[in-house]
């Protein structure tokens, strides 16, 4: 399966989002992907600035931008996106 069929998850690693904890959130996302066996369905990578700095930390899933994402709410966001109860 090529990348075109995979869900793209990009976490902002720009200085504002990184300072607000996106490095910790990155680890939570990696654990989530591993726990749910999603590595073959997801392309996960860091990105530089989505120009939403004032509302960071920022996460982009496919073309949707999520603001104020942190280690406390990212699991719920991923559950909703992947339709997990």
C-alpha atoms as a PDB file:
ATOM      1  CA  UNK A   1       0.000   0.000   0.000  1.00  0.00           C
ATOM      2  CA  UNK A   2       1.461   3.356  -1.011  1.00  0.00           C
ATOM      3  CA  UNK A   3       1.453   6.502   1.103  1.00  0.00           C
ATOM      4  CA  UNK A   4      -1.469   7.911  -0.890  1.00  0.00           C
ATOM      5  CA  UNK A   5      -3.835   5.505   0.929  1.00  0.00           C
ATOM      6  CA  UNK A   6      -2.477   6.236   4.379  1.00  0.00           C
ATOM      7  CA  UNK A   7      -3.622   8.759   6.936  1.00  0.00           C
ATOM      8  CA  UNK A   8      -1.040  11.519   7.268  1.00  0.00           C
ATOM      9  CA  UNK A   9      -0.416  12.810  10.772  1.00  0.00           C
ATOM     10  CA  UNK A  10       1.967  15.768  11.004  1.00  0.00           C
ATOM     11  CA  UNK A  11       2.921  17.285  14.335  1.00  0.00           C
ATOM     12  CA  UNK A  12       4.292  20.802  14.391  1.00  0.00           C
ATOM     13  CA  UNK A  13       7.817  20.919  15.752  1.00  0.00           C
ATOM     14  CA  UNK A  14       8.208  24.656  15.271  1.00  0.00           C
ATOM     15  CA  UNK A  15       9.626  26.485  18.274  1.00  0.00           C
ATOM     16  CA  UNK A  16       6.294  27.690  19.738  1.00  0.00           C
ATOM     17  CA  UNK A  17       4.585  24.286  19.545  1.00  0.00           C
ATOM     18  CA  UNK A  18       7.719  22.464  20.642  1.00  0.00           C
ATOM     19  CA  UNK A  19       8.046  24.755  23.681  1.00  0.00           C
ATOM     20  CA  UNK A  20       4.410  24.022  24.566  1.00  0.00           C
ATOM     21  CA  UNK A  21       4.991  20.283  24.716  1.00  0.00           C
ATOM     22  CA  UNK A  22       4.630  18.813  21.244  1.00  0.00           C
ATOM     23  CA  UNK A  23       7.670  16.600  21.807  1.00  0.00           C
ATOM     24  CA  UNK A  24       5.782  14.809  24.618  1.00  0.00           C
ATOM     25  CA  UNK A  25       2.646  14.698  22.464  1.00  0.00           C
ATOM     26  CA  UNK A  26       4.720  13.142  19.679  1.00  0.00           C
ATOM     27  CA  UNK A  27       5.632  10.253  21.977  1.00  0.00           C
ATOM     28  CA  UNK A  28       1.971   9.769  22.973  1.00  0.00           C
ATOM     29  CA  UNK A  29       0.990   9.586  19.280  1.00  0.00           C
ATOM     30  CA  UNK A  30       3.742   7.077  18.526  1.00  0.00           C
ATOM     31  CA  UNK A  31       2.566   4.926  21.447  1.00  0.00           C
ATOM     32  CA  UNK A  32      -1.041   5.184  20.211  1.00  0.00           C
ATOM     33  CA  UNK A  33      -0.083   4.106  16.688  1.00  0.00           C
ATOM     34  CA  UNK A  34       1.921   1.182  18.065  1.00  0.00           C
ATOM     35  CA  UNK A  35      -0.780   0.124  20.558  1.00  0.00           C
ATOM     36  CA  UNK A  36      -3.485   0.078  17.881  1.00  0.00           C
ATOM     37  CA  UNK A  37      -1.337  -1.480  15.143  1.00  0.00           C
ATOM     38  CA  UNK A  38      -1.703   1.497  12.810  1.00  0.00           C
ATOM     39  CA  UNK A  39       1.857   1.805  11.430  1.00  0.00           C
ATOM     40  CA  UNK A  40       0.754   0.283   8.106  1.00  0.00           C
ATOM     41  CA  UNK A  41      -2.156   2.766   7.857  1.00  0.00           C
ATOM     42  CA  UNK A  42      -0.441   5.968   9.007  1.00  0.00           C
ATOM     43  CA  UNK A  43       2.414   8.207   7.910  1.00  0.00           C
ATOM     44  CA  UNK A  44       3.503  10.133  11.003  1.00  0.00           C
ATOM     45  CA  UNK A  45       6.127  12.862  10.859  1.00  0.00           C
ATOM     46  CA  UNK A  46       7.234  16.163  12.299  1.00  0.00           C
ATOM     47  CA  UNK A  47       6.602  19.366  10.398  1.00  0.00           C
ATOM     48  CA  UNK A  48       7.633  22.990  10.645  1.00  0.00           C
ATOM     49  CA  UNK A  49       5.023  25.613  11.465  1.00  0.00           C
ATOM     50  CA  UNK A  50       1.450  25.582  10.206  1.00  0.00           C
ATOM     51  CA  UNK A  51       1.145  29.333  10.999  1.00  0.00           C
ATOM     52  CA  UNK A  52      -1.263  28.718  13.887  1.00  0.00           C
ATOM     53  CA  UNK A  53       1.358  29.538  16.523  1.00  0.00           C
ATOM     54  CA  UNK A  54      -1.001  31.524  18.747  1.00  0.00           C
ATOM     55  CA  UNK A  55      -3.271  28.462  19.018  1.00  0.00           C
ATOM     56  CA  UNK A  56      -0.606  25.802  19.368  1.00  0.00           C
ATOM     57  CA  UNK A  57       0.367  23.154  19.890  1.00  0.00           C
ATOM     58  CA  UNK A  58      -0.830  22.114  16.443  1.00  0.00           C
ATOM     59  CA  UNK A  59      -1.442  18.722  14.850  1.00  0.00           C
ATOM     60  CA  UNK A  60      -2.525  18.095  11.261  1.00  0.00           C
ATOM     61  CA  UNK A  61      -4.362  14.917  10.274  1.00  0.00           C
ATOM     62  CA  UNK A  62      -4.708  14.712   6.507  1.00  0.00           C
ATOM     63  CA  UNK A  63      -5.959  18.214   5.720  1.00  0.00           C
ATOM     64  CA  UNK A  64      -7.528  18.983   9.121  1.00  0.00           C
ATOM     65  CA  UNK A  65      -5.676  21.272  11.538  1.00  0.00           C
ATOM     66  CA  UNK A  66      -6.189  20.691  15.260  1.00  0.00           C
ATOM     67  CA  UNK A  67      -5.151  23.406  17.692  1.00  0.00           C
ATOM     68  CA  UNK A  68      -4.379  23.322  21.421  1.00  0.00           C
ATOM     69  CA  UNK A  69      -3.374  19.654  21.156  1.00  0.00           C
ATOM     70  CA  UNK A  70      -1.455  18.241  24.079  1.00  0.00           C
ATOM     71  CA  UNK A  71      -0.636  14.949  25.746  1.00  0.00           C
ATOM     72  CA  UNK A  72      -3.922  15.114  27.694  1.00  0.00           C
ATOM     73  CA  UNK A  73      -6.308  15.427  24.743  1.00  0.00           C
ATOM     74  CA  UNK A  74      -4.496  13.835  21.791  1.00  0.00           C
ATOM     75  CA  UNK A  75      -5.628  10.276  22.580  1.00  0.00           C
ATOM     76  CA  UNK A  76      -9.289  11.333  22.539  1.00  0.00           C
ATOM     77  CA  UNK A  77      -8.724  13.206  19.269  1.00  0.00           C
ATOM     78  CA  UNK A  78      -7.122  10.128  17.669  1.00  0.00           C
ATOM     79  CA  UNK A  79      -9.897   7.871  19.006  1.00  0.00           C
ATOM     80  CA  UNK A  80     -12.467  10.143  17.356  1.00  0.00           C
ATOM     81  CA  UNK A  81     -10.552  10.278  14.085  1.00  0.00           C
ATOM     82  CA  UNK A  82     -10.053   6.509  13.916  1.00  0.00           C
ATOM     83  CA  UNK A  83     -13.610   5.812  15.204  1.00  0.00           C
ATOM     84  CA  UNK A  84     -12.491   3.999  18.336  1.00  0.00           C
ATOM     85  CA  UNK A  85     -14.888   3.740  21.289  1.00  0.00           C
END
